[in-house]
Amino acid sequence: MAELKINGVSVKTPQKFQVGYQTIDADSSGRNANGEMVRDIIAQKVKLEIEWGPLDDATASALLKAIKSVFFTVSYPDAETGTQQTKTFYSGDRTLPSYSWNDKFSAIKWQSFSANFIEK
């Protein structure tokens, strides 16, 4: 079963979930005098682009606290292996646009929550 866990704790199912695979090249990579590409690959890393739908304060707070540390673990469905993977990530910018300032809608305050998790 596909599931998203942060630091071993299941979190709300995201509305959008995208796994990116990044190749990290050394500074020496580039084109040579013949115009051929020369690559010195030093690592392959994963980037998770995640967005949750409308959230109440408690859920938004729990997600923010879960990714507040410099590094944290995430278990996620991985397309390359076809299995759940657990890796160490750090968070990029986190964005939470407000849903409404109207007191009638105080239960749902956040329209969404988006963040990128980049593998350590």
Protein backbone atom coordinates (compact mmCIF):
# COMPACT_ATOMS: atom_id res chain seq x y z
CA MET A 1 0.00 0.00 0.00
CA ALA A 2 1.38 3.40 -0.99
CA GLU A 3 1.76 5.61 2.05
CA LEU A 4 3.59 8.78 3.01
CA LYS A 5 5.34 8.82 6.38
CA ILE A 6 7.50 11.53 7.91
CA ASN A 7 9.81 10.39 10.72
CA GLY A 8 7.89 7.10 10.84
CA VAL A 9 4.48 8.76 11.31
CA SER A 10 1.76 8.48 8.65
CA VAL A 11 0.62 11.88 7.40
CA LYS A 12 -2.46 13.05 5.55
CA THR A 13 -2.57 11.79 1.97
CA PRO A 14 -1.31 14.55 -0.34
CA GLN A 15 -3.39 15.96 -3.16
CA LYS A 16 -0.35 16.06 -5.46
CA PHE A 17 2.77 13.94 -5.21
CA GLN A 18 5.65 13.99 -7.68
CA VAL A 19 8.95 12.12 -7.50
CA GLY A 20 11.89 13.67 -9.36
CA TYR A 21 15.23 12.00 -9.96
CA GLN A 22 18.19 14.36 -10.07
CA THR A 23 21.66 13.65 -11.36
CA ILE A 24 24.38 15.63 -9.60
CA ASP A 25 27.42 16.38 -11.77
CA ALA A 26 30.87 17.39 -10.59
CA ASP A 27 32.15 20.83 -11.56
CA SER A 28 34.36 19.13 -14.16
CA SER A 29 31.35 18.05 -16.24
CA GLY A 30 30.71 19.95 -19.45
CA ARG A 31 31.61 20.03 -23.11
CA ASN A 32 35.14 19.28 -24.23
CA ALA A 33 37.05 20.92 -27.11
CA ASN A 34 35.28 18.62 -29.61
CA GLY A 35 31.86 19.72 -28.33
CA GLU A 36 31.16 16.32 -26.77
CA MET A 37 29.51 16.16 -23.39
CA VAL A 38 31.72 14.79 -20.64
CA ARG A 39 29.99 13.98 -17.37
CA ASP A 40 31.41 13.17 -13.98
CA ILE A 41 28.33 12.00 -12.08
CA ILE A 42 28.84 12.14 -8.34
CA ALA A 43 25.35 11.24 -7.08
CA GLN A 44 21.74 10.46 -7.91
CA LYS A 45 19.20 12.14 -5.60
CA VAL A 46 15.43 12.20 -5.18
CA LYS A 47 13.25 15.31 -4.93
CA LEU A 48 9.66 14.98 -3.73
CA GLU A 49 7.25 17.74 -4.73
CA ILE A 50 4.22 17.47 -2.47
CA GLU A 51 1.00 19.43 -2.08
CA TRP A 52 -1.79 18.84 0.39
CA GLY A 53 -5.31 20.18 -0.08
CA PRO A 54 -7.29 22.24 2.44
CA LEU A 55 -6.01 21.90 6.01
CA ASP A 56 -7.09 22.87 9.49
CA ASP A 57 -4.63 24.45 11.93
CA ALA A 58 -3.80 21.20 13.71
CA THR A 59 -2.88 19.31 10.52
CA ALA A 60 -0.88 22.22 9.08
CA SER A 61 0.98 22.60 12.37
CA ALA A 62 1.77 18.87 12.58
CA LEU A 63 3.19 18.86 9.04
CA LEU A 64 5.30 21.97 9.65
CA LYS A 65 6.69 20.56 12.89
CA ALA A 66 7.46 17.19 11.26
CA ILE A 67 9.74 18.85 8.67
CA LYS A 68 11.22 21.57 10.88
CA SER A 69 14.43 19.67 11.66
CA VAL A 70 17.45 20.15 9.45
CA PHE A 71 16.98 16.56 8.21
CA PHE A 72 14.09 14.09 8.55
CA THR A 73 13.14 10.69 7.14
CA VAL A 74 10.40 10.18 4.59
CA SER A 75 8.89 6.88 3.47
CA TYR A 76 7.28 7.22 0.06
CA PRO A 77 6.27 5.14 -2.98
CA ASP A 78 9.21 5.09 -5.38
CA ALA A 79 8.65 4.54 -9.11
CA GLU A 80 12.23 3.43 -9.84
CA THR A 81 12.21 0.54 -7.37
CA GLY A 82 8.45 -0.10 -7.37
CA THR A 83 8.54 -0.22 -3.57
CA GLN A 84 8.23 2.02 -0.52
CA GLN A 85 11.57 3.73 0.10
CA THR A 86 12.78 5.51 3.21
CA LYS A 87 15.42 8.20 2.78
CA THR A 88 16.69 11.26 4.59
CA PHE A 89 15.53 14.63 3.24
CA TYR A 90 15.57 18.32 4.01
CA SER A 91 12.79 20.75 3.19
CA GLY A 92 12.83 23.56 0.68
CA ASP A 93 10.46 26.50 1.03
CA ARG A 94 7.06 25.73 2.52
CA THR A 95 3.96 27.57 1.33
CA LEU A 96 0.51 27.74 2.94
CA PRO A 97 -1.90 30.16 1.23
CA SER A 98 -4.82 31.07 3.50
CA TYR A 99 -8.27 29.78 2.67
CA SER A 100 -10.29 32.49 4.33
CA TRP A 101 -10.01 35.16 6.99
CA ASN A 102 -13.76 34.85 7.57
CA ASP A 103 -14.64 33.50 11.04
CA LYS A 104 -17.44 31.41 9.49
CA PHE A 105 -14.77 29.20 7.92
CA SER A 106 -12.42 29.00 10.87
CA ALA A 107 -12.14 25.19 10.77
CA ILE A 108 -10.31 25.24 7.42
CA LYS A 109 -7.79 28.06 7.41
CA TRP A 110 -5.31 26.86 4.83
CA GLN A 111 -6.12 26.38 1.16
CA SER A 112 -3.13 24.12 0.63
CA PHE A 113 0.38 23.29 1.82
CA SER A 114 3.19 22.71 -0.63
CA ALA A 115 6.79 21.76 0.01
CA ASN A 116 9.73 20.17 -1.75
CA PHE A 117 11.72 17.48 0.04
CA ILE A 118 15.26 17.12 -1.29
CA GLU A 119 17.33 14.03 -0.52
CA LYS A 120 20.34 14.65 1.70
